């Protein structure tokens, strides 16, 4: 069913770098160039809240921070895997920014 299983992966979709990792990465590759980081691991924990606070701090500083917790336990994930398009739409984002 899988082509590969890796702990970290970079893919490009419509000229946008998407960094995939089970763990959240605070400073991922090309963050300042609007790349997207998808992660999970932290579920809906206090750590997840800290990461969201960090994200909001960067946004308040007008720095790009397109990181999304895509754990299936998140309500916007509808408790199931979703497409990148759906994840971005749920977060008022789009592949082109």
C-alpha atoms as a PDB file:
ATOM      1  CA  UNK A   1       0.000   0.000   0.000  1.00  0.00           C
ATOM      2  CA  UNK A   2       2.942   2.370   0.535  1.00  0.00           C
ATOM      3  CA  UNK A   3       5.716   3.456  -1.789  1.00  0.00           C
ATOM      4  CA  UNK A   4       7.874   4.431   1.171  1.00  0.00           C
ATOM      5  CA  UNK A   5       7.774   5.108   4.896  1.00  0.00           C
ATOM      6  CA  UNK A   6      10.087   7.906   6.013  1.00  0.00           C
ATOM      7  CA  UNK A   7      10.351  10.128   9.095  1.00  0.00           C
ATOM      8  CA  UNK A   8      10.710  13.324   7.041  1.00  0.00           C
ATOM      9  CA  UNK A   9       9.696  14.206   3.506  1.00  0.00           C
ATOM     10  CA  UNK A  10       9.778  17.280   1.290  1.00  0.00           C
ATOM     11  CA  UNK A  11       7.434  17.464  -1.668  1.00  0.00           C
ATOM     12  CA  UNK A  12       6.580  20.251  -4.080  1.00  0.00           C
ATOM     13  CA  UNK A  13       2.990  20.938  -5.047  1.00  0.00           C
ATOM     14  CA  UNK A  14       2.297  23.719  -7.566  1.00  0.00           C
ATOM     15  CA  UNK A  15       5.733  25.247  -6.881  1.00  0.00           C
ATOM     16  CA  UNK A  16       5.122  25.256  -3.110  1.00  0.00           C
ATOM     17  CA  UNK A  17       7.406  23.278  -0.819  1.00  0.00           C
ATOM     18  CA  UNK A  18       5.490  21.094   1.639  1.00  0.00           C
ATOM     19  CA  UNK A  19       7.489  19.689   4.553  1.00  0.00           C
ATOM     20  CA  UNK A  20       5.968  16.551   6.067  1.00  0.00           C
ATOM     21  CA  UNK A  21       7.057  15.282   9.463  1.00  0.00           C
ATOM     22  CA  UNK A  22       5.274  13.447  12.246  1.00  0.00           C
ATOM     23  CA  UNK A  23       6.790  15.928  14.718  1.00  0.00           C
ATOM     24  CA  UNK A  24       6.310  19.706  14.651  1.00  0.00           C
ATOM     25  CA  UNK A  25       9.351  21.619  13.430  1.00  0.00           C
ATOM     26  CA  UNK A  26       9.503  25.204  14.649  1.00  0.00           C
ATOM     27  CA  UNK A  27      11.853  26.421  11.901  1.00  0.00           C
ATOM     28  CA  UNK A  28      11.329  24.220   8.865  1.00  0.00           C
ATOM     29  CA  UNK A  29      12.915  24.603   5.447  1.00  0.00           C
ATOM     30  CA  UNK A  30      11.832  27.735   3.539  1.00  0.00           C
ATOM     31  CA  UNK A  31       9.375  28.877   6.230  1.00  0.00           C
ATOM     32  CA  UNK A  32      10.176  32.471   5.321  1.00  0.00           C
ATOM     33  CA  UNK A  33       9.379  31.650   1.676  1.00  0.00           C
ATOM     34  CA  UNK A  34       5.830  30.458   2.457  1.00  0.00           C
ATOM     35  CA  UNK A  35       6.511  26.745   2.509  1.00  0.00           C
ATOM     36  CA  UNK A  36       3.952  24.605   4.321  1.00  0.00           C
ATOM     37  CA  UNK A  37       4.675  22.270   7.234  1.00  0.00           C
ATOM     38  CA  UNK A  38       2.275  19.445   8.101  1.00  0.00           C
ATOM     39  CA  UNK A  39       2.781  17.619  11.389  1.00  0.00           C
ATOM     40  CA  UNK A  40       0.956  15.648  14.079  1.00  0.00           C
ATOM     41  CA  UNK A  41       2.295  13.914  17.225  1.00  0.00           C
ATOM     42  CA  UNK A  42       1.188  16.572  19.738  1.00  0.00           C
ATOM     43  CA  UNK A  43      -2.524  15.714  19.478  1.00  0.00           C
ATOM     44  CA  UNK A  44      -4.633  18.232  21.448  1.00  0.00           C
ATOM     45  CA  UNK A  45      -2.177  18.586  24.330  1.00  0.00           C
ATOM     46  CA  UNK A  46      -0.631  21.506  26.195  1.00  0.00           C
ATOM     47  CA  UNK A  47       2.316  21.183  23.798  1.00  0.00           C
ATOM     48  CA  UNK A  48      -0.081  21.655  20.886  1.00  0.00           C
ATOM     49  CA  UNK A  49      -1.285  24.870  22.565  1.00  0.00           C
ATOM     50  CA  UNK A  50       2.311  26.106  22.904  1.00  0.00           C
ATOM     51  CA  UNK A  51       2.934  25.448  19.217  1.00  0.00           C
ATOM     52  CA  UNK A  52      -0.244  27.324  18.269  1.00  0.00           C
ATOM     53  CA  UNK A  53       0.877  30.244  20.483  1.00  0.00           C
ATOM     54  CA  UNK A  54       4.250  30.237  18.695  1.00  0.00           C
ATOM     55  CA  UNK A  55       2.500  30.221  15.337  1.00  0.00           C
ATOM     56  CA  UNK A  56       0.277  33.138  16.367  1.00  0.00           C
ATOM     57  CA  UNK A  57       3.294  35.087  17.645  1.00  0.00           C
ATOM     58  CA  UNK A  58       5.002  34.751  14.254  1.00  0.00           C
ATOM     59  CA  UNK A  59       1.827  35.765  12.449  1.00  0.00           C
ATOM     60  CA  UNK A  60       1.507  38.818  14.742  1.00  0.00           C
ATOM     61  CA  UNK A  61       5.087  39.705  13.776  1.00  0.00           C
ATOM     62  CA  UNK A  62       3.962  39.455  10.132  1.00  0.00           C
ATOM     63  CA  UNK A  63       6.163  36.451   9.488  1.00  0.00           C
ATOM     64  CA  UNK A  64       4.893  33.513   7.458  1.00  0.00           C
ATOM     65  CA  UNK A  65       3.960  30.484   9.515  1.00  0.00           C
ATOM     66  CA  UNK A  66       2.044  27.964   7.470  1.00  0.00           C
ATOM     67  CA  UNK A  67       2.260  25.016   9.848  1.00  0.00           C
ATOM     68  CA  UNK A  68      -0.742  22.790  10.466  1.00  0.00           C
ATOM     69  CA  UNK A  69      -1.416  20.042  12.956  1.00  0.00           C
ATOM     70  CA  UNK A  70      -2.991  17.385  10.755  1.00  0.00           C
ATOM     71  CA  UNK A  71      -3.615  14.821  13.459  1.00  0.00           C
ATOM     72  CA  UNK A  72      -6.913  13.073  12.816  1.00  0.00           C
ATOM     73  CA  UNK A  73      -8.107  14.074  16.287  1.00  0.00           C
ATOM     74  CA  UNK A  74      -8.412  17.697  15.132  1.00  0.00           C
ATOM     75  CA  UNK A  75     -12.004  18.736  14.498  1.00  0.00           C
ATOM     76  CA  UNK A  76     -11.153  20.458  11.203  1.00  0.00           C
ATOM     77  CA  UNK A  77      -9.607  17.182  10.039  1.00  0.00           C
ATOM     78  CA  UNK A  78     -13.030  15.573  10.491  1.00  0.00           C
ATOM     79  CA  UNK A  79     -11.247  12.807  12.434  1.00  0.00           C
ATOM     80  CA  UNK A  80      -9.861  11.310   9.218  1.00  0.00           C
ATOM     81  CA  UNK A  81      -7.045  11.959   6.724  1.00  0.00           C
ATOM     82  CA  UNK A  82      -7.767  14.916   4.417  1.00  0.00           C
ATOM     83  CA  UNK A  83      -6.324  16.313   1.205  1.00  0.00           C
ATOM     84  CA  UNK A  84      -3.915  19.233   1.333  1.00  0.00           C
ATOM     85  CA  UNK A  85      -6.550  21.374  -0.381  1.00  0.00           C
ATOM     86  CA  UNK A  86      -9.079  20.594   2.368  1.00  0.00           C
ATOM     87  CA  UNK A  87      -6.531  21.226   5.128  1.00  0.00           C
ATOM     88  CA  UNK A  88      -5.624  24.606   3.668  1.00  0.00           C
ATOM     89  CA  UNK A  89      -9.257  25.595   3.069  1.00  0.00           C
ATOM     90  CA  UNK A  90     -10.102  24.684   6.660  1.00  0.00           C
ATOM     91  CA  UNK A  91      -7.370  27.087   7.767  1.00  0.00           C
ATOM     92  CA  UNK A  92      -8.285  29.888   5.340  1.00  0.00           C
ATOM     93  CA  UNK A  93      -5.140  29.251   3.298  1.00  0.00           C
ATOM     94  CA  UNK A  94      -4.425  28.152  -0.270  1.00  0.00           C
ATOM     95  CA  UNK A  95      -1.498  26.506  -2.029  1.00  0.00           C
ATOM     96  CA  UNK A  96      -0.553  29.802  -3.693  1.00  0.00           C
ATOM     97  CA  UNK A  97       0.140  32.564  -1.233  1.00  0.00           C
END
